[in-house]
Amino acid sequence: MRRTSRYLAILVASALAAGCSEPTGPSEAPVAASAPDFGLGSDFADLTPDIQKQLASLRAYLSGMHTVALAARGGFETPVTECREKPGVGGMGYHYANLERIFDTSAPSVLEPEILVFSPGKNGRVLLGAAEYFIPWGEDYPEAGPPPVLFGQEFSPNSGDGGWMLHVWLWNHNPAGIFANWNPTVSCG
């Protein structure tokens, strides 16, 4: 499928780039092995290196889409919600969908989120807070069936929108967790 081939192309390019680096000489003292650092910060330290690598790939893919205008150029041009907030729980923000992806009922792919969530910030600015994966209920993922899984996380049912969803808070720290639906630090007011 289209999702798989694009993701594989990025992984192959990354592997080739890593293999082309100059070899280094032996160090004077052996260095202890440590967890890889993909530049995601301490919020992600408890995730496996494979999931951290997937999140770093997603972050790199969306790096040029931090504003609504830039995201529109990347295909996320359709506003699908006003600012969403749940009193006492937190907010999300404004949702902008990629219409080529939003009705795709196939398995989720790391580099193909269907929605970007923009959170209100200081001085009226609205900036990228999270990526959201959304799969409508259908033959592959029925409402009563097992949920899709990505980043080792099961999607949540979304009865209001008729599908499965998974948020990934890569740009707004979320005390509730990187994969939580609501972020207590986000407010629409």
Protein backbone atom coordinates (compact mmCIF):
# COMPACT_ATOMS: atom_id res chain seq x y z
CA MET A 1 0.00 0.00 0.00
CA ARG A 2 0.95 3.64 -0.36
CA ARG A 3 1.47 4.01 3.41
CA THR A 4 3.94 1.16 3.64
CA SER A 5 6.05 2.10 0.62
CA ARG A 6 6.60 5.70 1.77
CA TYR A 7 7.54 4.59 5.28
CA LEU A 8 9.94 1.95 3.94
CA ALA A 9 11.56 4.51 1.63
CA ILE A 10 12.31 6.78 4.60
CA LEU A 11 13.71 3.88 6.64
CA VAL A 12 15.93 2.75 3.76
CA ALA A 13 17.21 6.29 3.22
CA SER A 14 17.97 6.61 6.95
CA ALA A 15 19.80 3.29 6.97
CA LEU A 16 21.84 4.23 3.91
CA ALA A 17 22.75 7.59 5.40
CA ALA A 18 23.87 5.94 8.62
CA GLY A 19 25.94 3.41 6.71
CA CYS A 20 27.75 6.14 4.77
CA SER A 21 29.34 7.80 7.78
CA GLU A 22 33.08 7.68 8.26
CA PRO A 23 34.26 4.98 10.64
CA THR A 24 35.76 6.28 13.83
CA GLY A 25 38.89 5.03 15.50
CA PRO A 26 38.90 3.14 18.75
CA SER A 27 38.25 5.22 21.84
CA GLU A 28 40.62 5.17 24.75
CA ALA A 29 38.01 3.86 27.17
CA PRO A 30 34.98 1.75 26.38
CA VAL A 31 31.72 3.70 26.53
CA ALA A 32 28.81 2.10 28.37
CA ALA A 33 25.75 1.41 26.24
CA SER A 34 22.88 3.78 26.91
CA ALA A 35 19.40 4.28 25.61
CA PRO A 36 19.38 5.97 22.21
CA ASP A 37 18.56 9.68 22.16
CA PHE A 38 16.21 10.62 19.35
CA GLY A 39 15.81 14.21 20.57
CA LEU A 40 12.38 13.59 22.07
CA GLY A 41 13.20 14.58 25.65
CA SER A 42 12.46 12.99 28.99
CA ASP A 43 8.70 12.58 28.28
CA PHE A 44 9.63 9.65 26.07
CA ALA A 45 12.30 7.94 28.16
CA ASP A 46 9.98 5.11 29.24
CA LEU A 47 9.17 4.12 25.64
CA THR A 48 11.08 1.39 23.82
CA PRO A 49 13.88 2.48 21.46
CA ASP A 50 11.79 1.24 18.51
CA ILE A 51 8.80 3.40 19.49
CA GLN A 52 11.12 6.35 20.16
CA LYS A 53 12.54 5.92 16.66
CA GLN A 54 9.03 5.84 15.16
CA LEU A 55 8.10 9.01 17.06
CA ALA A 56 11.29 10.73 15.91
CA SER A 57 10.38 9.82 12.31
CA LEU A 58 6.90 11.29 12.77
CA ARG A 59 8.34 14.44 14.33
CA ALA A 60 10.77 14.86 11.41
CA TYR A 61 7.99 14.26 8.85
CA LEU A 62 5.81 16.97 10.42
CA SER A 63 8.66 19.38 11.20
CA GLY A 64 7.58 21.87 8.53
CA MET A 65 3.92 21.94 9.56
CA HIS A 66 3.91 23.87 12.86
CA THR A 67 1.32 26.43 11.76
CA VAL A 68 -2.08 25.98 10.17
CA ALA A 69 -0.86 27.64 6.96
CA LEU A 70 2.17 25.35 6.67
CA ALA A 71 0.09 22.27 7.48
CA ALA A 72 -2.37 23.21 4.72
CA ARG A 73 0.50 23.05 2.22
CA GLY A 74 1.20 19.53 3.51
CA GLY A 75 -2.39 18.42 2.85
CA PHE A 76 -3.95 19.16 6.27
CA GLU A 77 -6.15 21.93 4.96
CA THR A 78 -9.66 21.03 6.11
CA PRO A 79 -10.78 22.25 9.56
CA VAL A 80 -12.96 19.55 11.08
CA THR A 81 -13.57 20.89 14.61
CA GLU A 82 -13.65 24.06 16.59
CA CYS A 83 -11.32 24.13 19.59
CA ARG A 84 -12.16 21.06 21.68
CA GLU A 85 -12.04 21.23 25.46
CA LYS A 86 -13.47 19.03 28.22
CA PRO A 87 -13.92 20.89 31.53
CA GLY A 88 -11.93 19.33 34.33
CA VAL A 89 -9.97 17.09 31.95
CA GLY A 90 -8.20 19.37 29.47
CA GLY A 91 -8.29 20.34 25.85
CA MET A 92 -7.08 19.32 22.43
CA GLY A 93 -7.42 22.27 20.15
CA TYR A 94 -8.42 22.70 16.52
CA HIS A 95 -8.38 19.65 14.24
CA TYR A 96 -7.29 19.89 10.58
CA ALA A 97 -7.70 16.81 8.39
CA ASN A 98 -5.97 15.47 5.34
CA LEU A 99 -9.02 14.45 3.28
CA GLU A 100 -7.01 11.96 1.21
CA ARG A 101 -6.41 9.99 4.42
CA ILE A 102 -9.41 10.63 6.66
CA PHE A 103 -11.67 8.02 5.05
CA ASP A 104 -8.94 5.36 4.67
CA THR A 105 -9.99 2.31 6.67
CA SER A 106 -6.70 0.41 6.30
CA ALA A 107 -4.14 -0.17 9.05
CA PRO A 108 -2.50 2.96 10.47
CA SER A 109 0.94 4.03 9.33
CA VAL A 110 3.43 6.06 11.40
CA LEU A 111 4.02 8.66 8.69
CA GLU A 112 0.39 9.06 7.67
CA PRO A 113 -1.61 10.72 10.45
CA GLU A 114 -5.06 11.74 9.29
CA ILE A 115 -5.39 14.85 11.47
CA LEU A 116 -3.15 17.51 13.00
CA VAL A 117 -4.25 19.15 16.25
CA PHE A 118 -3.37 22.82 16.78
CA SER A 119 -3.47 24.15 20.32
CA PRO A 120 -4.14 27.75 21.30
CA GLY A 121 -1.08 29.48 22.69
CA LYS A 122 0.07 32.89 23.83
CA ASN A 123 -0.93 36.05 21.98
CA GLY A 124 -3.62 34.24 19.99
CA ARG A 125 -1.13 31.97 18.22
CA VAL A 126 -2.26 28.48 17.29
CA LEU A 127 0.56 25.96 16.99
CA LEU A 128 0.89 22.25 16.31
CA GLY A 129 0.36 20.25 19.50
CA ALA A 130 -0.39 16.70 18.38
CA ALA A 131 -0.86 14.35 15.49
CA GLU A 132 -4.02 12.28 15.48
CA TYR A 133 -4.61 8.97 13.77
CA PHE A 134 -8.23 8.28 12.91
CA ILE A 135 -9.69 5.16 11.33
CA PRO A 136 -13.43 5.09 10.59
CA TRP A 137 -15.29 2.03 11.77
CA GLY A 138 -15.54 -0.38 8.86
CA GLU A 139 -14.82 -3.89 7.71
CA ASP A 140 -11.16 -3.89 8.82
CA TYR A 141 -11.79 -2.21 12.19
CA PRO A 142 -15.46 -2.54 13.19
CA GLU A 143 -16.81 -0.76 16.25
CA ALA A 144 -17.24 -4.05 18.12
CA GLY A 145 -13.89 -5.47 16.99
CA PRO A 146 -10.37 -5.15 18.32
CA PRO A 147 -8.93 -1.63 17.97
CA PRO A 148 -6.05 -0.70 15.68
CA VAL A 149 -2.62 -0.50 17.33
CA LEU A 150 0.23 1.93 16.59
CA PHE A 151 3.29 2.81 18.70
CA GLY A 152 2.29 -0.19 20.85
CA GLN A 153 -0.91 1.68 21.83
CA GLU A 154 -4.49 0.63 21.23
CA PHE A 155 -6.69 3.27 19.62
CA SER A 156 -9.65 4.65 21.61
CA PRO A 157 -13.22 4.41 20.34
CA ASN A 158 -14.70 7.74 19.25
CA SER A 159 -18.47 7.32 19.06
CA GLY A 160 -19.09 10.96 18.14
CA ASP A 161 -16.98 10.70 15.00
CA GLY A 162 -17.61 7.01 14.25
CA GLY A 163 -14.14 5.56 14.42
CA TRP A 164 -10.94 4.81 16.31
CA MET A 165 -8.49 7.53 17.36
CA LEU A 166 -5.00 7.87 18.79
CA HIS A 167 -3.39 11.19 19.74
CA VAL A 168 0.38 11.69 19.84
CA TRP A 169 1.40 14.82 21.78
CA LEU A 170 4.84 15.46 20.29
CA TRP A 171 4.86 19.25 20.61
CA ASN A 172 2.82 20.01 23.76
CA HIS A 173 3.94 18.31 26.95
CA ASN A 174 0.99 16.28 28.20
CA PRO A 175 1.10 15.38 31.91
CA ALA A 176 -1.60 12.77 31.19
CA GLY A 177 0.79 11.01 28.78
CA ILE A 178 1.98 11.32 25.22
CA PHE A 179 -0.88 9.13 23.92
CA ALA A 180 -3.72 10.56 26.07
CA ASN A 181 -6.69 12.02 24.23
CA TRP A 182 -7.03 15.14 26.41
CA ASN A 183 -4.18 17.41 27.50
CA PRO A 184 -4.68 19.24 30.82
CA THR A 185 -2.28 22.00 29.70
CA VAL A 186 -4.48 22.93 26.69
CA SER A 187 -7.34 25.38 27.08
CA CYS A 188 -9.62 26.93 24.49
CA GLY A 189 -10.52 29.87 26.75
